[in-house]
Structures are given as structure tokens and as C-alpha cells.
Amino acid sequence: MCAATCRVFRPDPWTIDQPECSHRGRFSARHLPMSTVIVTVEGDVDATNDRFLVTYVERQIAGASHLVIDLQHVGFFGTAGFAALHNVNVICSRHGIQWALRVAPWVGRLLAICDPYGCLPVD
């Protein structure tokens, strides 16, 4: 029998709600009452910062029960961004967090192509 490991993020309290930049993307978070976190993404999401987006979201959702990712101010959203959102979906499912996406029209078109069955919770 083998033991499984589980990644547990205990974010530095000073980093919660602090905006961060990675390449041409800017990520910020707001923690609201009722354990809700809103992560706003601005700029570009592509292969240079898709993993950073996932780790940023993962650090911000510690103790949350609801998550909203706002992609309305994204200038470019590549297919690597879709992979990042899929990873966020897996993380939220694992931790029982309900989440939703707010998307710009061009992001919605890409998600319609990459996610034809609507697995991601587009608002």
C-alpha cells in the first residue's frame, strides 16, 4: 500500500489580495465576505504565464468556497489559457469550491471551440 501526498497551500498572509505580474499578464484578487474570491486577469494569458495563473489562483483560494475569475479585460487569451482554466477546474472540484468565469467575447469564442460541451462554468 502506498501513501499519497496532497499539496496544501498555506499562503503568506502578506500575499493575499496582492496583485502580481507575469510576463504580459497582471493578476489581482479580492476576498469578499461569504468566502468568495474574485481573481481579475488583465493583459495576456498565453504559454508564458498560464502556469503562473494557476498557482496564483491556488494561493488565493485557501479557505474559500466560491471563486470568480474575471477575464473581461484580457487582451489575448491563447489555448494555454484554456489548459490553465481546466487545471483550475480540477483544483476547485478537488476542494469543493464553486466557481464561475466572466469572459470577454473573444475569450468566450475560444472557450466555445476548446470546450464544446461546456465543462467550464462560463457566466
Protein backbone atom coordinates (compact mmCIF):
# COMPACT_ATOMS: atom_id res chain seq x y z
CA MET A 1 0.00 0.00 0.00
CA CYS A 2 1.39 3.36 -0.88
CA ALA A 3 0.82 6.65 0.80
CA ALA A 4 -0.48 9.52 -1.25
CA THR A 5 0.61 13.08 -0.88
CA CYS A 6 -1.59 16.13 -1.07
CA ARG A 7 -0.37 19.60 -1.84
CA VAL A 8 -1.54 22.08 0.78
CA PHE A 9 -1.03 25.76 0.17
CA ARG A 10 -0.60 27.95 3.18
CA PRO A 11 -0.18 31.33 1.58
CA ASP A 12 1.88 34.03 3.16
CA PRO A 13 -0.77 36.38 4.65
CA TRP A 14 1.05 39.33 3.09
CA THR A 15 0.48 37.95 -0.43
CA ILE A 16 -3.31 37.64 -0.18
CA ASP A 17 -5.05 40.26 -2.33
CA GLN A 18 -1.67 41.47 -3.64
CA PRO A 19 -1.54 41.95 -7.41
CA GLU A 20 1.23 40.15 -9.27
CA CYS A 21 2.55 40.32 -12.82
CA SER A 22 3.93 37.59 -15.01
CA HIS A 23 5.15 38.49 -18.48
CA ARG A 24 2.32 40.48 -20.07
CA GLY A 25 -0.36 39.40 -17.61
CA ARG A 26 -1.48 41.09 -14.40
CA PHE A 27 -3.35 39.13 -11.74
CA SER A 28 -5.19 40.58 -8.77
CA ALA A 29 -7.57 39.16 -6.18
CA ARG A 30 -10.23 40.44 -3.81
CA HIS A 31 -11.51 38.42 -0.89
CA LEU A 32 -15.15 39.20 -0.18
CA PRO A 33 -17.47 38.11 2.61
CA MET A 34 -19.04 34.66 2.46
CA SER A 35 -15.70 33.09 1.47
CA THR A 36 -15.78 34.48 -2.07
CA VAL A 37 -12.63 35.30 -4.03
CA ILE A 38 -12.61 37.32 -7.26
CA VAL A 39 -9.46 36.97 -9.37
CA THR A 40 -9.15 39.58 -12.11
CA VAL A 41 -6.84 38.96 -15.05
CA GLU A 42 -5.64 41.77 -17.31
CA GLY A 43 -3.28 41.73 -20.27
CA ASP A 44 -2.35 38.50 -22.00
CA VAL A 45 -2.72 34.86 -20.96
CA ASP A 46 -0.53 32.57 -23.01
CA ALA A 47 2.13 29.89 -22.67
CA THR A 48 4.45 32.31 -20.85
CA ASN A 49 2.18 32.77 -17.84
CA ASP A 50 -0.51 30.07 -17.86
CA ARG A 51 1.09 28.11 -15.01
CA PHE A 52 1.54 31.31 -13.03
CA LEU A 53 -2.20 31.96 -13.34
CA VAL A 54 -2.97 28.53 -11.88
CA THR A 55 -0.57 28.93 -8.94
CA TYR A 56 -1.84 32.47 -8.27
CA VAL A 57 -5.44 31.25 -8.14
CA GLU A 58 -4.44 28.27 -6.00
CA ARG A 59 -2.75 30.57 -3.46
CA GLN A 60 -5.74 32.89 -3.29
CA ILE A 61 -8.49 30.27 -2.77
CA ALA A 62 -7.23 28.90 0.56
CA GLY A 63 -10.34 28.73 2.75
CA ALA A 64 -12.70 29.96 0.02
CA SER A 65 -15.95 28.33 -1.03
CA HIS A 66 -16.65 30.48 -4.11
CA LEU A 67 -14.33 31.72 -6.85
CA VAL A 68 -14.93 34.06 -9.77
CA ILE A 69 -12.26 34.52 -12.43
CA ASP A 70 -12.80 37.74 -14.38
CA LEU A 71 -11.28 37.58 -17.86
CA GLN A 72 -13.17 40.59 -19.26
CA HIS A 73 -10.04 42.74 -19.51
CA VAL A 74 -7.83 40.18 -21.24
CA GLY A 75 -6.24 41.39 -24.47
CA PHE A 76 -5.05 37.99 -25.67
CA PHE A 77 -6.08 34.53 -24.50
CA GLY A 78 -4.27 31.56 -26.01
CA THR A 79 -5.01 27.87 -25.84
CA ALA A 80 -2.55 27.58 -22.94
CA GLY A 81 -5.02 29.75 -21.03
CA PHE A 82 -7.71 27.15 -21.66
CA ALA A 83 -5.40 24.49 -20.19
CA ALA A 84 -4.89 26.74 -17.15
CA LEU A 85 -8.65 27.07 -16.67
CA HIS A 86 -9.03 23.31 -16.94
CA ASN A 87 -6.44 22.95 -14.14
CA VAL A 88 -8.34 25.49 -12.04
CA ASN A 89 -11.50 23.43 -12.64
CA VAL A 90 -9.75 20.31 -11.32
CA ILE A 91 -8.42 22.17 -8.26
CA CYS A 92 -11.83 23.66 -7.46
CA SER A 93 -13.53 20.28 -7.86
CA ARG A 94 -10.99 18.67 -5.56
CA HIS A 95 -11.57 21.28 -2.84
CA GLY A 96 -15.34 21.64 -3.27
CA ILE A 97 -15.15 25.24 -4.47
CA GLN A 98 -17.91 26.55 -6.71
CA TRP A 99 -16.54 28.80 -9.39
CA ALA A 100 -17.51 30.85 -12.42
CA LEU A 101 -15.84 32.66 -15.30
CA ARG A 102 -16.62 36.15 -16.58
CA VAL A 103 -15.21 36.35 -20.08
CA ALA A 104 -14.64 38.86 -22.86
CA PRO A 105 -16.38 37.97 -26.16
CA TRP A 106 -13.19 36.71 -27.85
CA VAL A 107 -12.36 34.55 -24.84
CA GLY A 108 -15.88 33.14 -25.00
CA ARG A 109 -15.36 32.20 -28.65
CA LEU A 110 -12.12 30.37 -27.85
CA LEU A 111 -13.77 28.54 -24.95
CA ALA A 112 -16.68 27.53 -27.21
CA ILE A 113 -14.16 25.89 -29.56
CA CYS A 114 -11.94 24.29 -26.89
CA ASP A 115 -14.80 23.34 -24.55
CA PRO A 116 -17.75 22.41 -26.81
CA TYR A 117 -19.53 20.51 -24.02
CA GLY A 118 -19.44 23.48 -21.65
CA CYS A 119 -17.48 21.85 -18.82
CA LEU A 120 -16.09 25.21 -17.68
CA PRO A 121 -18.58 27.40 -15.79
CA VAL A 122 -18.82 30.44 -18.08
CA ASP A 123 -21.10 33.06 -16.55
